[in-house]
Amino acid sequence: MELRRMWHYPQMIVLFAVSTAAFALVSLFCSDFTLIPGYSSVRPVNGLPVTLGLLFGPAGAFGCAAGNVIGDVCRHELNWASIGGAVGNFLFAWIPYRLWYVREYRVGRVLPNIFSWQRLGAFCLLSALGAAVCALVVSLSIVLVSGDPFWDTFGLILGNNLLGAYVVGLPLFAVLPILVNAIGAYWRTIMRRSWE
């Protein structure tokens, strides 16, 4: 499985480090954007997991998990719920990446993008699925640690995940694939032999 094989590729380890740093820095230094005061806000960091997963594969997923932990440490918020945060953000990146490539393997090897209605729909659907699984895992971990009401916590996290994925992640994913391809940092190019 590529989750193990990626550690044999120095370029994938670099992509893991880049993903970790990006996630940690955005979570630390980019404040939430309020859309409706008192009701909804966008966490910019929630726009990263799906994009990093699709472009950097397992390195992006591991990077989101590690970046989440580093962010908790730097904010002095590290606790048992941080395990759920790390697992949730890993899955937020990993599930869309894995499902995208199951589909793309059948229809041909195309750099992931949103420049067709079919791919745009796939991005939105997979983002929603990843956001929901992440919200479920993180909510359960918070409930176990602090006893907060599950549905309130789940709804808040899911809403923030979806807003981040669509408001930040979608524009980011419209631009980044071109740059990633130009510098040869696409995970499937790096791990071509093990994927094939």
Protein backbone atom coordinates (compact mmCIF):
# COMPACT_ATOMS: atom_id res chain seq x y z
CA MET A 1 0.00 0.00 0.00
CA GLU A 2 1.25 3.47 -0.87
CA LEU A 3 0.88 4.63 2.76
CA ARG A 4 3.97 2.52 3.55
CA ARG A 5 5.77 2.78 0.23
CA MET A 6 5.79 6.57 0.22
CA TRP A 7 8.48 6.63 2.92
CA HIS A 8 10.92 5.05 0.43
CA TYR A 9 10.75 8.14 -1.80
CA PRO A 10 12.75 11.20 -0.64
CA GLN A 11 10.50 13.50 -2.69
CA MET A 12 7.41 12.16 -0.91
CA ILE A 13 9.06 12.82 2.45
CA VAL A 14 9.67 16.40 1.28
CA LEU A 15 6.00 16.67 0.29
CA PHE A 16 5.05 15.35 3.73
CA ALA A 17 7.18 18.08 5.33
CA VAL A 18 5.68 20.76 3.05
CA SER A 19 2.14 19.57 3.82
CA THR A 20 2.84 19.49 7.55
CA ALA A 21 4.30 22.99 7.54
CA ALA A 22 1.49 24.39 5.39
CA PHE A 23 -1.23 22.92 7.60
CA ALA A 24 0.46 24.00 10.85
CA LEU A 25 1.23 27.54 9.64
CA VAL A 26 -2.22 28.16 8.19
CA SER A 27 -3.89 26.84 11.35
CA LEU A 28 -1.69 29.07 13.53
CA PHE A 29 -1.59 32.32 11.59
CA CYS A 30 -4.80 32.50 9.54
CA SER A 31 -7.75 33.54 11.66
CA ASP A 32 -11.25 32.35 10.95
CA PHE A 33 -13.19 34.46 8.43
CA THR A 34 -16.63 35.35 9.75
CA LEU A 35 -19.38 34.96 7.16
CA ILE A 36 -22.40 35.56 9.37
CA PRO A 37 -21.49 37.00 12.79
CA GLY A 38 -22.40 34.59 15.53
CA TYR A 39 -23.43 31.85 13.10
CA SER A 40 -20.80 30.80 10.62
CA SER A 41 -17.12 31.25 9.91
CA VAL A 42 -14.56 29.70 7.58
CA ARG A 43 -11.37 28.16 8.93
CA PRO A 44 -8.87 28.56 6.06
CA VAL A 45 -6.97 25.46 7.18
CA ASN A 46 -10.04 23.35 6.32
CA GLY A 47 -9.40 24.18 2.68
CA LEU A 48 -6.12 22.27 2.68
CA PRO A 49 -6.80 18.56 3.35
CA VAL A 50 -8.64 17.63 0.14
CA THR A 51 -6.24 19.64 -2.04
CA LEU A 52 -3.13 18.26 -0.32
CA GLY A 53 -4.52 14.74 -0.47
CA LEU A 54 -5.34 14.85 -4.18
CA LEU A 55 -2.03 16.42 -5.19
CA PHE A 56 0.42 14.90 -2.72
CA GLY A 57 -1.35 11.60 -2.02
CA PRO A 58 -0.39 9.85 1.21
CA ALA A 59 2.21 12.56 1.95
CA GLY A 60 -0.57 15.15 2.02
CA ALA A 61 -2.75 13.01 4.29
CA PHE A 62 0.06 12.34 6.76
CA GLY A 63 1.03 16.03 6.58
CA CYS A 64 -2.48 17.14 7.58
CA ALA A 65 -2.40 14.83 10.59
CA ALA A 66 1.05 15.97 11.72
CA GLY A 67 0.27 19.63 11.04
CA ASN A 68 -2.85 19.39 13.18
CA VAL A 69 -0.83 18.03 16.11
CA ILE A 70 1.85 20.72 15.70
CA GLY A 71 -0.86 23.38 15.64
CA ASP A 72 -2.35 22.02 18.87
CA VAL A 73 1.08 21.97 20.51
CA CYS A 74 1.87 25.55 19.49
CA ARG A 75 -1.53 26.79 20.70
CA HIS A 76 -1.10 24.87 23.99
CA GLU A 77 -4.23 22.87 23.17
CA LEU A 78 -2.69 19.41 23.03
CA ASN A 79 -4.91 16.86 24.80
CA TRP A 80 -6.41 13.44 24.16
CA ALA A 81 -8.84 14.95 21.64
CA SER A 82 -5.80 15.88 19.52
CA ILE A 83 -5.59 12.21 18.54
CA GLY A 84 -9.06 12.49 17.05
CA GLY A 85 -8.04 15.76 15.36
CA ALA A 86 -5.02 14.10 13.76
CA VAL A 87 -6.98 11.04 12.62
CA GLY A 88 -9.88 13.18 11.41
CA ASN A 89 -7.69 15.47 9.32
CA PHE A 90 -5.79 12.48 7.92
CA LEU A 91 -9.10 11.01 6.76
CA PHE A 92 -10.26 14.40 5.46
CA ALA A 93 -7.35 14.24 3.01
CA TRP A 94 -7.05 10.47 2.52
CA ILE A 95 -10.66 9.52 1.72
CA PRO A 96 -11.10 11.98 -1.19
CA TYR A 97 -7.63 11.13 -2.55
CA ARG A 98 -8.27 7.38 -2.40
CA LEU A 99 -11.75 7.52 -3.93
CA TRP A 100 -10.67 9.96 -6.65
CA TYR A 101 -7.92 7.61 -7.82
CA VAL A 102 -10.13 4.53 -7.78
CA ARG A 103 -12.31 6.36 -10.30
CA GLU A 104 -9.46 7.94 -12.27
CA TYR A 105 -7.64 4.60 -12.60
CA ARG A 106 -10.54 3.37 -14.72
CA VAL A 107 -10.92 6.45 -16.92
CA GLY A 108 -7.28 7.35 -17.49
CA ARG A 109 -4.42 9.13 -15.77
CA VAL A 110 -5.24 12.80 -15.70
CA LEU A 111 -3.77 15.33 -13.30
CA PRO A 112 -6.58 16.05 -10.83
CA ASN A 113 -8.47 19.22 -11.68
CA ILE A 114 -11.93 20.76 -11.61
CA PHE A 115 -12.05 21.84 -15.24
CA SER A 116 -15.05 19.71 -16.17
CA TRP A 117 -18.46 19.45 -14.59
CA GLN A 118 -17.81 15.82 -13.77
CA ARG A 119 -14.55 16.56 -11.95
CA LEU A 120 -15.99 19.61 -10.20
CA GLY A 121 -18.87 17.47 -8.96
CA ALA A 122 -16.46 14.75 -7.85
CA PHE A 123 -14.37 17.30 -5.94
CA CYS A 124 -17.45 18.70 -4.17
CA LEU A 125 -18.87 15.28 -3.34
CA LEU A 126 -15.57 13.85 -2.08
CA SER A 127 -14.91 17.02 -0.07
CA ALA A 128 -18.30 16.59 1.61
CA LEU A 129 -17.59 12.94 2.39
CA GLY A 130 -14.13 13.71 3.81
CA ALA A 131 -15.53 16.63 5.80
CA ALA A 132 -18.26 14.45 7.30
CA VAL A 133 -15.89 11.63 8.32
CA CYS A 134 -13.47 14.15 9.82
CA ALA A 135 -16.30 15.83 11.74
CA LEU A 136 -17.50 12.45 13.03
CA VAL A 137 -14.05 11.40 14.29
CA VAL A 138 -13.19 14.78 15.82
CA SER A 139 -16.63 15.13 17.45
CA LEU A 140 -16.42 11.68 19.02
CA SER A 141 -12.97 12.46 20.41
CA ILE A 142 -14.19 15.77 21.88
CA VAL A 143 -17.26 14.11 23.40
CA LEU A 144 -15.08 11.41 25.00
CA VAL A 145 -12.67 13.98 26.44
CA SER A 146 -14.95 16.83 27.48
CA GLY A 147 -18.49 15.47 27.37
CA ASP A 148 -19.73 18.18 24.99
CA PRO A 149 -23.03 17.43 23.19
CA PHE A 150 -22.26 15.30 20.14
CA TRP A 151 -24.70 16.74 17.61
CA ASP A 152 -23.83 20.37 18.39
CA THR A 153 -20.13 19.62 18.08
CA PHE A 154 -20.59 17.53 14.95
CA GLY A 155 -22.72 20.18 13.24
CA LEU A 156 -20.25 22.97 13.99
CA ILE A 157 -17.22 20.99 12.80
CA LEU A 158 -18.99 19.70 9.69
CA GLY A 159 -20.14 23.21 8.76
CA ASN A 160 -16.65 24.64 9.18
CA ASN A 161 -15.11 21.74 7.24
CA LEU A 162 -17.51 22.19 4.33
CA LEU A 163 -17.14 25.96 4.21
CA GLY A 164 -13.35 25.65 4.29
CA ALA A 165 -13.33 23.00 1.58
CA TYR A 166 -15.58 24.99 -0.75
CA VAL A 167 -14.67 28.62 0.00
CA VAL A 168 -10.90 28.11 0.34
CA GLY A 169 -10.18 24.64 -1.06
CA LEU A 170 -12.03 24.99 -4.35
CA PRO A 171 -10.20 28.15 -5.55
CA LEU A 172 -6.92 26.70 -4.28
CA PHE A 173 -7.52 23.50 -6.23
CA ALA A 174 -8.23 25.50 -9.37
CA VAL A 175 -4.67 26.87 -9.31
CA LEU A 176 -2.35 24.48 -7.46
CA PRO A 177 -2.45 21.46 -9.82
CA ILE A 178 -0.84 23.54 -12.57
CA LEU A 179 2.01 24.62 -10.28
CA VAL A 180 2.47 21.15 -8.79
CA ASN A 181 2.65 19.60 -12.26
CA ALA A 182 5.12 22.24 -13.46
CA ILE A 183 7.60 21.50 -10.65
CA GLY A 184 7.14 17.72 -10.83
CA ALA A 185 5.64 17.43 -7.34
CA TYR A 186 2.57 15.38 -8.27
CA TRP A 187 2.58 12.27 -6.07
CA ARG A 188 1.62 9.91 -8.88
CA THR A 189 4.57 11.05 -10.97
CA ILE A 190 6.96 10.51 -8.07
CA MET A 191 5.56 7.08 -7.17
CA ARG A 192 4.77 6.01 -10.72
CA ARG A 193 6.47 2.62 -10.56
CA SER A 194 4.88 1.55 -7.30
CA TRP A 195 1.44 2.76 -8.44
CA GLU A 196 1.65 0.95 -11.74
